[in-house]
Amino acid sequence: MSDDHEVTVLRLGHRPGRDERMTTHVGLTARALGADRVVMAGSARDRTDTIVDITERFGGPFEVDVTQEPKRLIRDFEGTVVHLTMYGEPVQDVEDDVREAHAEGPLLLVVGAEKVPFEVYENADYNVGVTNQPHSEVASLAVFLDRLFEGRELDREWDDPDRVVVPMETGKRVVDPDEAEADE
């Protein structure tokens, strides 16, 4: 986000037939809550179209990439690698250190699907859990990004949207950006 160093989310793994929505939601959550890009690994690459479409309609910037070598991306990443896992250190114990590392350089947030190879745990600078109970990787990513950005991501302005959501107490309203400005 803005003046910060880049935040990349790596979706590591994807179980076809089981993870279609989950993988898409990892990408959409990364976009909505302040990451700069998502990288889909392996068969997760098939989920990129929806994320690109949402970015085109609701604004950016946000990049979507694919990799066939996620372990290499983790191993060679020039910055801090944070693996989100329920087996990690509590987020509240490491968030200040991770935020400080992010002030100095880019972050790679690794979000798994199926069993994550032990090599990922070893190559991560931080293995972080938002809870040590079973939960969704989407929830883990959302909580972590909100902690990282301390809520600043909630006020983000988007560049070149075709559509804008108008906040309402009741109902749904999505309009052309010019119409939203006229309502203000």
N, C-alpha and C. Protein backbone atom coordinates (compact mmCIF):
# COMPACT_ATOMS: atom_id res chain seq x y z
N MET A 1 0.84 -1.20 0.00
CA MET A 1 0.00 0.00 0.00
C MET A 1 0.87 1.25 0.00
N SER A 2 0.58 2.16 -0.80
CA SER A 2 1.18 3.49 -0.94
C SER A 2 2.68 3.52 -0.67
N ASP A 3 3.09 4.06 0.47
CA ASP A 3 4.51 4.28 0.76
C ASP A 3 5.23 3.04 1.26
N ASP A 4 4.50 1.98 1.55
CA ASP A 4 5.11 0.77 2.08
C ASP A 4 5.81 -0.02 0.98
N HIS A 5 6.69 -0.92 1.41
CA HIS A 5 7.30 -1.84 0.46
C HIS A 5 6.24 -2.85 0.02
N GLU A 6 6.51 -3.50 -1.09
CA GLU A 6 5.54 -4.43 -1.68
C GLU A 6 5.20 -5.59 -0.76
N VAL A 7 3.93 -6.00 -0.83
CA VAL A 7 3.46 -7.20 -0.16
C VAL A 7 2.92 -8.13 -1.24
N THR A 8 3.52 -9.31 -1.33
CA THR A 8 3.10 -10.34 -2.28
C THR A 8 2.52 -11.50 -1.50
N VAL A 9 1.41 -12.03 -1.97
CA VAL A 9 0.80 -13.22 -1.37
C VAL A 9 1.02 -14.37 -2.34
N LEU A 10 1.60 -15.45 -1.85
CA LEU A 10 1.79 -16.67 -2.62
C LEU A 10 0.77 -17.70 -2.18
N ARG A 11 -0.11 -18.08 -3.10
CA ARG A 11 -1.06 -19.17 -2.83
C ARG A 11 -0.34 -20.45 -3.19
N LEU A 12 0.05 -21.18 -2.17
CA LEU A 12 0.84 -22.40 -2.32
C LEU A 12 -0.10 -23.59 -2.29
N GLY A 13 -0.29 -24.20 -3.42
CA GLY A 13 -1.15 -25.37 -3.49
C GLY A 13 -2.58 -25.02 -3.82
N HIS A 14 -3.27 -26.01 -4.34
CA HIS A 14 -4.67 -25.85 -4.72
C HIS A 14 -5.21 -27.25 -4.99
N ARG A 15 -6.29 -27.60 -4.35
CA ARG A 15 -6.89 -28.90 -4.55
C ARG A 15 -8.07 -28.75 -5.52
N PRO A 16 -7.86 -29.12 -6.80
CA PRO A 16 -8.94 -28.98 -7.79
C PRO A 16 -10.21 -29.71 -7.32
N GLY A 17 -11.34 -29.06 -7.57
CA GLY A 17 -12.61 -29.65 -7.15
C GLY A 17 -12.97 -29.33 -5.71
N ARG A 18 -12.01 -28.82 -4.96
CA ARG A 18 -12.25 -28.52 -3.56
C ARG A 18 -11.95 -27.06 -3.22
N ASP A 19 -10.93 -26.49 -3.85
CA ASP A 19 -10.42 -25.18 -3.45
C ASP A 19 -10.72 -24.04 -4.42
N GLU A 20 -11.58 -24.24 -5.41
CA GLU A 20 -11.78 -23.18 -6.41
C GLU A 20 -12.15 -21.85 -5.76
N ARG A 21 -13.20 -21.84 -4.96
CA ARG A 21 -13.62 -20.58 -4.32
C ARG A 21 -12.59 -20.11 -3.30
N MET A 22 -12.02 -21.04 -2.55
CA MET A 22 -11.05 -20.67 -1.51
C MET A 22 -9.84 -19.97 -2.14
N THR A 23 -9.31 -20.53 -3.22
CA THR A 23 -8.15 -19.93 -3.88
C THR A 23 -8.50 -18.57 -4.45
N THR A 24 -9.66 -18.46 -5.08
CA THR A 24 -10.11 -17.17 -5.60
C THR A 24 -10.22 -16.16 -4.46
N HIS A 25 -10.77 -16.59 -3.34
CA HIS A 25 -10.95 -15.69 -2.19
C HIS A 25 -9.63 -15.29 -1.56
N VAL A 26 -8.62 -16.13 -1.62
CA VAL A 26 -7.29 -15.72 -1.16
C VAL A 26 -6.83 -14.53 -2.00
N GLY A 27 -6.98 -14.62 -3.31
CA GLY A 27 -6.56 -13.52 -4.19
C GLY A 27 -7.38 -12.26 -3.97
N LEU A 28 -8.70 -12.41 -3.85
CA LEU A 28 -9.56 -11.24 -3.64
C LEU A 28 -9.30 -10.58 -2.29
N THR A 29 -9.06 -11.38 -1.28
CA THR A 29 -8.75 -10.84 0.05
C THR A 29 -7.41 -10.13 0.04
N ALA A 30 -6.42 -10.72 -0.62
CA ALA A 30 -5.12 -10.06 -0.74
C ALA A 30 -5.29 -8.69 -1.37
N ARG A 31 -6.04 -8.62 -2.46
CA ARG A 31 -6.28 -7.36 -3.16
C ARG A 31 -7.01 -6.36 -2.28
N ALA A 32 -8.12 -6.78 -1.71
CA ALA A 32 -8.98 -5.87 -0.95
C ALA A 32 -8.31 -5.34 0.32
N LEU A 33 -7.42 -6.12 0.90
CA LEU A 33 -6.86 -5.74 2.21
C LEU A 33 -5.39 -5.32 2.15
N GLY A 34 -4.94 -4.85 0.96
CA GLY A 34 -3.68 -4.13 0.94
C GLY A 34 -2.48 -4.76 0.29
N ALA A 35 -2.54 -6.03 -0.10
CA ALA A 35 -1.39 -6.61 -0.79
C ALA A 35 -1.27 -5.99 -2.18
N ASP A 36 -0.10 -6.08 -2.75
CA ASP A 36 0.17 -5.51 -4.06
C ASP A 36 -0.01 -6.52 -5.19
N ARG A 37 0.18 -7.79 -4.86
CA ARG A 37 0.02 -8.82 -5.88
C ARG A 37 -0.17 -10.18 -5.24
N VAL A 38 -0.72 -11.08 -6.04
CA VAL A 38 -0.85 -12.47 -5.63
C VAL A 38 -0.16 -13.32 -6.69
N VAL A 39 0.51 -14.36 -6.24
CA VAL A 39 1.15 -15.32 -7.13
C VAL A 39 0.50 -16.67 -6.87
N MET A 40 -0.05 -17.25 -7.92
CA MET A 40 -0.70 -18.55 -7.82
C MET A 40 0.28 -19.62 -8.26
N ALA A 41 0.37 -20.68 -7.47
CA ALA A 41 1.31 -21.76 -7.76
C ALA A 41 0.56 -22.98 -8.28
N GLY A 42 1.18 -23.67 -9.23
CA GLY A 42 0.65 -24.93 -9.73
C GLY A 42 -0.74 -24.78 -10.33
N SER A 43 -1.64 -25.68 -9.96
CA SER A 43 -2.99 -25.69 -10.53
C SER A 43 -3.83 -24.51 -10.05
N ALA A 44 -3.37 -23.75 -9.08
CA ALA A 44 -4.09 -22.56 -8.62
C ALA A 44 -4.11 -21.48 -9.70
N ARG A 45 -3.23 -21.59 -10.69
CA ARG A 45 -3.16 -20.59 -11.75
C ARG A 45 -4.47 -20.45 -12.50
N ASP A 46 -5.29 -21.49 -12.49
CA ASP A 46 -6.58 -21.44 -13.19
C ASP A 46 -7.57 -20.49 -12.51
N ARG A 47 -7.26 -19.99 -11.34
CA ARG A 47 -8.18 -19.13 -10.59
C ARG A 47 -7.88 -17.65 -10.81
N THR A 48 -6.97 -17.33 -11.69
CA THR A 48 -6.53 -15.93 -11.83
C THR A 48 -7.54 -15.05 -12.55
N ASP A 49 -8.34 -15.61 -13.46
CA ASP A 49 -9.25 -14.80 -14.28
C ASP A 49 -10.20 -13.95 -13.45
N THR A 50 -10.78 -14.52 -12.41
CA THR A 50 -11.74 -13.78 -11.58
C THR A 50 -11.06 -12.61 -10.88
N ILE A 51 -9.87 -12.82 -10.40
CA ILE A 51 -9.15 -11.77 -9.67
C ILE A 51 -8.78 -10.63 -10.62
N VAL A 52 -8.33 -10.98 -11.82
CA VAL A 52 -8.02 -9.96 -12.82
C VAL A 52 -9.29 -9.19 -13.19
N ASP A 53 -10.40 -9.90 -13.38
CA ASP A 53 -11.67 -9.25 -13.73
C ASP A 53 -12.11 -8.27 -12.64
N ILE A 54 -12.03 -8.68 -11.38
CA ILE A 54 -12.42 -7.79 -10.27
C ILE A 54 -11.52 -6.56 -10.24
N THR A 55 -10.23 -6.74 -10.45
CA THR A 55 -9.30 -5.61 -10.46
C THR A 55 -9.64 -4.65 -11.60
N GLU A 56 -9.95 -5.18 -12.76
CA GLU A 56 -10.32 -4.32 -13.89
C GLU A 56 -11.62 -3.56 -13.61
N ARG A 57 -12.58 -4.20 -12.98
CA ARG A 57 -13.87 -3.55 -12.73
C ARG A 57 -13.85 -2.60 -11.54
N PHE A 58 -13.16 -2.98 -10.45
CA PHE A 58 -13.21 -2.20 -9.22
C PHE A 58 -11.94 -1.42 -8.92
N GLY A 59 -10.96 -1.45 -9.81
CA GLY A 59 -9.77 -0.62 -9.67
C GLY A 59 -8.55 -1.36 -9.15
N GLY A 60 -7.45 -0.70 -9.29
CA GLY A 60 -6.17 -1.27 -8.89
C GLY A 60 -5.35 -0.22 -8.20
N PRO A 61 -4.07 -0.38 -8.19
CA PRO A 61 -3.34 -1.43 -8.88
C PRO A 61 -3.32 -2.73 -8.06
N PHE A 62 -3.25 -3.84 -8.78
CA PHE A 62 -3.07 -5.16 -8.18
C PHE A 62 -2.64 -6.09 -9.29
N GLU A 63 -1.60 -6.86 -9.03
CA GLU A 63 -1.06 -7.77 -10.03
C GLU A 63 -1.38 -9.21 -9.68
N VAL A 64 -1.57 -10.02 -10.71
CA VAL A 64 -1.80 -11.45 -10.55
C VAL A 64 -0.77 -12.17 -11.41
N ASP A 65 0.03 -13.00 -10.77
CA ASP A 65 1.07 -13.76 -11.47
C ASP A 65 0.92 -15.24 -11.17
N VAL A 66 1.63 -16.07 -11.93
CA VAL A 66 1.66 -17.51 -11.69
C VAL A 66 3.11 -17.96 -11.62
N THR A 67 3.32 -19.07 -10.95
CA THR A 67 4.66 -19.67 -10.89
C THR A 67 4.52 -21.19 -10.89
N GLN A 68 5.46 -21.83 -11.52
CA GLN A 68 5.56 -23.29 -11.47
C GLN A 68 6.61 -23.71 -10.44
N GLU A 69 7.29 -22.70 -9.85
CA GLU A 69 8.37 -22.99 -8.91
C GLU A 69 8.18 -22.20 -7.61
N PRO A 70 7.14 -22.52 -6.85
CA PRO A 70 6.87 -21.75 -5.63
C PRO A 70 7.97 -21.89 -4.57
N LYS A 71 8.57 -23.06 -4.46
CA LYS A 71 9.64 -23.24 -3.46
C LYS A 71 10.83 -22.35 -3.80
N ARG A 72 11.11 -22.22 -5.08
CA ARG A 72 12.21 -21.35 -5.51
C ARG A 72 11.88 -19.89 -5.20
N LEU A 73 10.63 -19.48 -5.45
CA LEU A 73 10.21 -18.11 -5.13
C LEU A 73 10.43 -17.83 -3.65
N ILE A 74 10.05 -18.77 -2.80
CA ILE A 74 10.24 -18.60 -1.35
C ILE A 74 11.72 -18.53 -1.02
N ARG A 75 12.46 -19.48 -1.53
CA ARG A 75 13.90 -19.58 -1.21
C ARG A 75 14.68 -18.36 -1.69
N ASP A 76 14.34 -17.83 -2.87
CA ASP A 76 15.11 -16.73 -3.48
C ASP A 76 14.52 -15.35 -3.20
N PHE A 77 13.44 -15.27 -2.43
CA PHE A 77 12.78 -13.99 -2.21
C PHE A 77 13.71 -13.02 -1.49
N GLU A 78 13.82 -11.82 -2.04
CA GLU A 78 14.68 -10.78 -1.45
C GLU A 78 13.83 -9.88 -0.56
N GLY A 79 13.60 -10.35 0.63
CA GLY A 79 12.77 -9.66 1.60
C GLY A 79 12.44 -10.64 2.71
N THR A 80 11.37 -10.38 3.40
CA THR A 80 10.96 -11.20 4.54
C THR A 80 9.84 -12.14 4.12
N VAL A 81 9.99 -13.43 4.44
CA VAL A 81 9.00 -14.44 4.11
C VAL A 81 8.20 -14.77 5.38
N VAL A 82 6.88 -14.61 5.28
CA VAL A 82 5.97 -14.91 6.39
C VAL A 82 5.04 -16.02 5.93
N HIS A 83 5.12 -17.15 6.60
CA HIS A 83 4.25 -18.29 6.30
C HIS A 83 3.10 -18.27 7.30
N LEU A 84 1.87 -18.15 6.79
CA LEU A 84 0.70 -18.13 7.66
C LEU A 84 0.24 -19.57 7.89
N THR A 85 0.30 -20.01 9.14
CA THR A 85 -0.02 -21.37 9.51
C THR A 85 -0.54 -21.40 10.93
N MET A 86 -1.48 -22.29 11.23
CA MET A 86 -2.00 -22.35 12.60
C MET A 86 -0.95 -22.90 13.57
N TYR A 87 0.15 -23.42 13.05
CA TYR A 87 1.21 -23.96 13.90
C TYR A 87 2.28 -22.93 14.24
N GLY A 88 2.12 -21.70 13.76
CA GLY A 88 3.14 -20.68 13.93
C GLY A 88 3.05 -19.93 15.24
N GLU A 89 3.96 -18.98 15.39
CA GLU A 89 3.96 -18.11 16.56
C GLU A 89 2.71 -17.22 16.51
N PRO A 90 2.15 -16.89 17.65
CA PRO A 90 0.95 -16.04 17.65
C PRO A 90 1.23 -14.68 16.99
N VAL A 91 0.31 -14.26 16.12
CA VAL A 91 0.48 -13.01 15.39
C VAL A 91 0.74 -11.84 16.33
N GLN A 92 0.08 -11.82 17.46
CA GLN A 92 0.24 -10.71 18.40
C GLN A 92 1.65 -10.66 19.00
N ASP A 93 2.38 -11.78 18.95
CA ASP A 93 3.75 -11.81 19.47
C ASP A 93 4.79 -11.35 18.45
N VAL A 94 4.45 -11.41 17.15
CA VAL A 94 5.45 -11.09 16.13
C VAL A 94 5.05 -9.94 15.21
N GLU A 95 3.83 -9.42 15.35
CA GLU A 95 3.36 -8.41 14.39
C GLU A 95 4.25 -7.17 14.36
N ASP A 96 4.75 -6.72 15.49
CA ASP A 96 5.62 -5.53 15.49
C ASP A 96 6.92 -5.81 14.73
N ASP A 97 7.49 -7.00 14.94
CA ASP A 97 8.73 -7.36 14.23
C ASP A 97 8.49 -7.47 12.73
N VAL A 98 7.37 -8.05 12.33
CA VAL A 98 7.06 -8.18 10.91
C VAL A 98 6.79 -6.80 10.30
N ARG A 99 6.08 -5.96 11.02
CA ARG A 99 5.81 -4.60 10.54
C ARG A 99 7.12 -3.84 10.35
N GLU A 100 8.05 -4.01 11.27
CA GLU A 100 9.37 -3.37 11.17
C GLU A 100 10.14 -3.92 9.95
N ALA A 101 10.07 -5.22 9.74
CA ALA A 101 10.73 -5.83 8.58
C ALA A 101 10.11 -5.28 7.29
N HIS A 102 8.81 -5.08 7.29
CA HIS A 102 8.12 -4.54 6.11
C HIS A 102 8.51 -3.09 5.86
N ALA A 103 8.79 -2.35 6.89
CA ALA A 103 9.24 -0.97 6.72
C ALA A 103 10.60 -0.94 6.02
N GLU A 104 11.37 -2.02 6.14
CA GLU A 104 12.71 -2.09 5.56
C GLU A 104 12.75 -2.76 4.19
N GLY A 105 11.73 -3.53 3.85
CA GLY A 105 11.75 -4.24 2.57
C GLY A 105 10.46 -4.98 2.30
N PRO A 106 10.40 -5.67 1.16
CA PRO A 106 9.18 -6.36 0.76
C PRO A 106 8.88 -7.58 1.62
N LEU A 107 7.59 -7.96 1.61
CA LEU A 107 7.12 -9.16 2.31
C LEU A 107 6.55 -10.15 1.31
N LEU A 108 6.77 -11.42 1.57
CA LEU A 108 6.10 -12.50 0.85
C LEU A 108 5.29 -13.26 1.89
N LEU A 109 3.96 -13.25 1.73
CA LEU A 109 3.07 -13.98 2.62
C LEU A 109 2.69 -15.28 1.94
N VAL A 110 3.02 -16.40 2.57
CA VAL A 110 2.74 -17.71 1.99
C VAL A 110 1.48 -18.27 2.65
N VAL A 111 0.50 -18.61 1.81
CA VAL A 111 -0.77 -19.15 2.27
C VAL A 111 -0.94 -20.51 1.62
N GLY A 112 -1.00 -21.55 2.43
CA GLY A 112 -1.09 -22.91 1.91
C GLY A 112 -2.50 -23.37 1.66
N ALA A 113 -2.59 -24.56 1.09
CA ALA A 113 -3.86 -25.24 0.86
C ALA A 113 -3.71 -26.64 1.44
N GLU A 114 -3.23 -27.57 0.62
CA GLU A 114 -2.98 -28.91 1.14
C GLU A 114 -1.77 -28.88 2.07
N LYS A 115 -1.35 -30.03 2.51
CA LYS A 115 -0.22 -30.10 3.43
C LYS A 115 0.98 -29.34 2.87
N VAL A 116 1.47 -28.40 3.66
CA VAL A 116 2.59 -27.56 3.25
C VAL A 116 3.90 -28.31 3.51
N PRO A 117 4.80 -28.36 2.52
CA PRO A 117 6.08 -29.03 2.72
C PRO A 117 6.89 -28.39 3.86
N PHE A 118 7.60 -29.21 4.61
CA PHE A 118 8.38 -28.71 5.74
C PHE A 118 9.40 -27.66 5.31
N GLU A 119 9.87 -27.77 4.08
CA GLU A 119 10.83 -26.81 3.53
C GLU A 119 10.30 -25.37 3.62
N VAL A 120 8.98 -25.20 3.49
CA VAL A 120 8.39 -23.86 3.59
C VAL A 120 8.57 -23.33 5.01
N TYR A 121 8.31 -24.16 6.00
CA TYR A 121 8.50 -23.76 7.40
C TYR A 121 9.96 -23.36 7.64
N GLU A 122 10.88 -24.13 7.09
CA GLU A 122 12.31 -23.86 7.29
C GLU A 122 12.77 -22.59 6.59
N ASN A 123 12.22 -22.30 5.42
CA ASN A 123 12.67 -21.13 4.65
C ASN A 123 11.95 -19.84 5.03
N ALA A 124 10.91 -19.93 5.83
CA ALA A 124 10.19 -18.72 6.25
C ALA A 124 10.97 -18.01 7.35
N ASP A 125 10.97 -16.69 7.29
CA ASP A 125 11.55 -15.91 8.38
C ASP A 125 10.64 -15.95 9.60
N TYR A 126 9.34 -16.02 9.33
CA TYR A 126 8.32 -16.11 10.39
C TYR A 126 7.27 -17.12 9.98
N ASN A 127 6.94 -18.03 10.88
CA ASN A 127 5.77 -18.89 10.74
C ASN A 127 4.77 -18.32 11.73
N VAL A 128 3.65 -17.80 11.21
CA VAL A 128 2.74 -17.00 12.02
C VAL A 128 1.35 -17.62 12.01
N GLY A 129 0.76 -17.73 13.20
CA GLY A 129 -0.61 -18.20 13.33
C GLY A 129 -1.50 -17.09 13.88
N VAL A 130 -2.66 -16.89 13.26
CA VAL A 130 -3.61 -15.93 13.82
C VAL A 130 -4.44 -16.60 14.91
N THR A 131 -4.40 -17.91 14.96
CA THR A 131 -4.96 -18.72 16.02
C THR A 131 -4.34 -20.11 15.86
N ASN A 132 -4.30 -20.86 16.93
CA ASN A 132 -3.76 -22.22 16.82
C ASN A 132 -4.88 -23.25 16.71
N GLN A 133 -6.03 -22.79 16.25
CA GLN A 133 -7.18 -23.65 16.02
C GLN A 133 -7.40 -23.78 14.51
N PRO A 134 -8.00 -24.88 14.06
CA PRO A 134 -8.30 -25.00 12.63
C PRO A 134 -9.15 -23.82 12.16
N HIS A 135 -8.77 -23.25 11.02
CA HIS A 135 -9.48 -22.11 10.45
C HIS A 135 -9.15 -21.97 8.97
N SER A 136 -9.77 -21.06 8.33
CA SER A 136 -9.59 -20.82 6.90
C SER A 136 -8.33 -20.02 6.62
N GLU A 137 -7.66 -20.36 5.51
CA GLU A 137 -6.50 -19.57 5.09
C GLU A 137 -6.90 -18.16 4.69
N VAL A 138 -8.14 -17.99 4.24
CA VAL A 138 -8.64 -16.66 3.90
C VAL A 138 -8.75 -15.82 5.17
N ALA A 139 -9.28 -16.40 6.23
CA ALA A 139 -9.39 -15.69 7.50
C ALA A 139 -8.00 -15.33 8.03
N SER A 140 -7.08 -16.25 7.93
CA SER A 140 -5.71 -16.00 8.38
C SER A 140 -5.09 -14.82 7.64
N LEU A 141 -5.25 -14.81 6.32
CA LEU A 141 -4.70 -13.73 5.51
C LEU A 141 -5.36 -12.40 5.86
N ALA A 142 -6.66 -12.39 6.02
CA ALA A 142 -7.38 -11.15 6.33
C ALA A 142 -6.94 -10.58 7.67
N VAL A 143 -6.87 -11.41 8.68
CA VAL A 143 -6.46 -10.93 10.01
C VAL A 143 -5.02 -10.43 9.95
N PHE A 144 -4.15 -11.19 9.28
CA PHE A 144 -2.74 -10.78 9.23
C PHE A 144 -2.57 -9.44 8.51
N LEU A 145 -3.22 -9.27 7.35
CA LEU A 145 -3.07 -8.01 6.62
C LEU A 145 -3.62 -6.84 7.42
N ASP A 146 -4.73 -7.04 8.11
CA ASP A 146 -5.27 -5.96 8.93
C ASP A 146 -4.31 -5.60 10.05
N ARG A 147 -3.70 -6.59 10.66
CA ARG A 147 -2.70 -6.31 11.71
C ARG A 147 -1.47 -5.61 11.14
N LEU A 148 -1.03 -6.07 9.96
CA LEU A 148 0.15 -5.48 9.33
C LEU A 148 -0.07 -4.00 9.02
N PHE A 149 -1.21 -3.68 8.43
CA PHE A 149 -1.49 -2.31 8.01
C PHE A 149 -2.21 -1.49 9.06
N GLU A 150 -2.52 -2.09 10.19
CA GLU A 150 -3.16 -1.40 11.31
C GLU A 150 -4.43 -0.66 10.88
N GLY A 151 -5.19 -1.27 9.97
CA GLY A 151 -6.47 -0.72 9.54
C GLY A 151 -6.39 0.29 8.41
N ARG A 152 -5.20 0.73 8.02
CA ARG A 152 -5.07 1.72 6.95
C ARG A 152 -5.64 1.22 5.62
N GLU A 153 -5.59 -0.10 5.42
CA GLU A 153 -6.06 -0.67 4.16
C GLU A 153 -7.56 -0.48 3.96
N LEU A 154 -8.28 -0.22 5.03
CA LEU A 154 -9.73 -0.07 4.94
C LEU A 154 -10.15 1.24 4.30
N ASP A 155 -9.25 2.22 4.25
CA ASP A 155 -9.54 3.52 3.66
C ASP A 155 -8.88 3.71 2.29
N ARG A 156 -8.41 2.65 1.71
CA ARG A 156 -7.68 2.71 0.45
C ARG A 156 -8.55 3.27 -0.67
N GLU A 157 -7.94 4.09 -1.51
CA GLU A 157 -8.58 4.59 -2.73
C GLU A 157 -8.06 3.75 -3.90
N TRP A 158 -8.93 3.43 -4.84
CA TRP A 158 -8.58 2.58 -5.97
C TRP A 158 -8.45 3.41 -7.24
N ASP A 159 -7.47 3.08 -8.06
CA ASP A 159 -7.23 3.78 -9.32
C ASP A 159 -8.09 3.19 -10.44
N ASP A 160 -8.70 4.06 -11.23
CA ASP A 160 -9.40 3.71 -12.46
C ASP A 160 -10.47 2.62 -12.34
N PRO A 161 -11.34 2.72 -11.35
CA PRO A 161 -12.41 1.71 -11.28
C PRO A 161 -13.49 1.96 -12.34
N ASP A 162 -14.09 0.89 -12.83
CA ASP A 162 -15.27 1.00 -13.70
C ASP A 162 -16.54 1.01 -12.86
N ARG A 163 -16.45 0.43 -11.66
CA ARG A 163 -17.58 0.31 -10.75
C ARG A 163 -17.12 0.68 -9.34
N VAL A 164 -18.03 1.26 -8.57
CA VAL A 164 -17.75 1.65 -7.18
C VAL A 164 -18.92 1.19 -6.31
N VAL A 165 -18.59 0.60 -5.18
CA VAL A 165 -19.62 0.21 -4.22
C VAL A 165 -19.94 1.42 -3.36
N VAL A 166 -21.22 1.73 -3.25
CA VAL A 166 -21.67 2.84 -2.41
C VAL A 166 -22.06 2.25 -1.05
N PRO A 167 -21.34 2.62 0.02
CA PRO A 167 -21.69 2.10 1.34
C PRO A 167 -23.11 2.51 1.74
N MET A 168 -23.87 1.56 2.24
CA MET A 168 -25.25 1.81 2.63
C MET A 168 -25.57 1.05 3.91
N GLU A 169 -26.49 1.59 4.68
CA GLU A 169 -26.93 0.88 5.89
C GLU A 169 -27.71 -0.37 5.51
N THR A 170 -28.52 -0.27 4.45
CA THR A 170 -29.33 -1.40 3.99
C THR A 170 -29.32 -1.42 2.47
N GLY A 171 -29.21 -2.58 1.89
CA GLY A 171 -29.27 -2.70 0.45
C GLY A 171 -27.90 -2.76 -0.20
N LYS A 172 -27.92 -2.80 -1.53
CA LYS A 172 -26.69 -2.90 -2.32
C LYS A 172 -26.75 -1.87 -3.43
N ARG A 173 -25.65 -1.18 -3.63
CA ARG A 173 -25.59 -0.20 -4.72
C ARG A 173 -24.17 -0.17 -5.28
N VAL A 174 -24.06 -0.49 -6.56
CA VAL A 174 -22.80 -0.44 -7.29
C VAL A 174 -23.04 0.48 -8.48
N VAL A 175 -22.19 1.52 -8.61
CA VAL A 175 -22.42 2.55 -9.62
C VAL A 175 -21.16 2.86 -10.40
N ASP A 176 -21.33 3.62 -11.47
CA ASP A 176 -20.24 4.20 -12.23
C ASP A 176 -19.51 5.19 -11.32
N PRO A 177 -18.18 5.30 -11.39
CA PRO A 177 -17.45 6.23 -10.51
C PRO A 177 -17.94 7.68 -10.58
N ASP A 178 -18.34 8.13 -11.76
CA ASP A 178 -18.84 9.50 -11.89
C ASP A 178 -20.13 9.69 -11.10
N GLU A 179 -20.96 8.68 -11.10
CA GLU A 179 -22.21 8.73 -10.34
C GLU A 179 -21.93 8.76 -8.83
N ALA A 180 -20.90 8.03 -8.40
CA ALA A 180 -20.53 8.02 -6.98
C ALA A 180 -20.04 9.41 -6.54
N GLU A 181 -19.25 10.07 -7.39
CA GLU A 181 -18.76 11.41 -7.07
C GLU A 181 -19.91 12.41 -6.97
N ALA A 182 -20.91 12.27 -7.82
CA ALA A 182 -22.05 13.17 -7.82
C ALA A 182 -22.88 13.02 -6.53
N ASP A 183 -22.84 11.80 -5.96
CA ASP A 183 -23.58 11.53 -4.72
C ASP A 183 -22.89 12.13 -3.48
N GLU A 184 -21.61 12.43 -3.59
CA GLU A 184 -20.86 12.88 -2.41
C GLU A 184 -21.18 14.28 -2.00
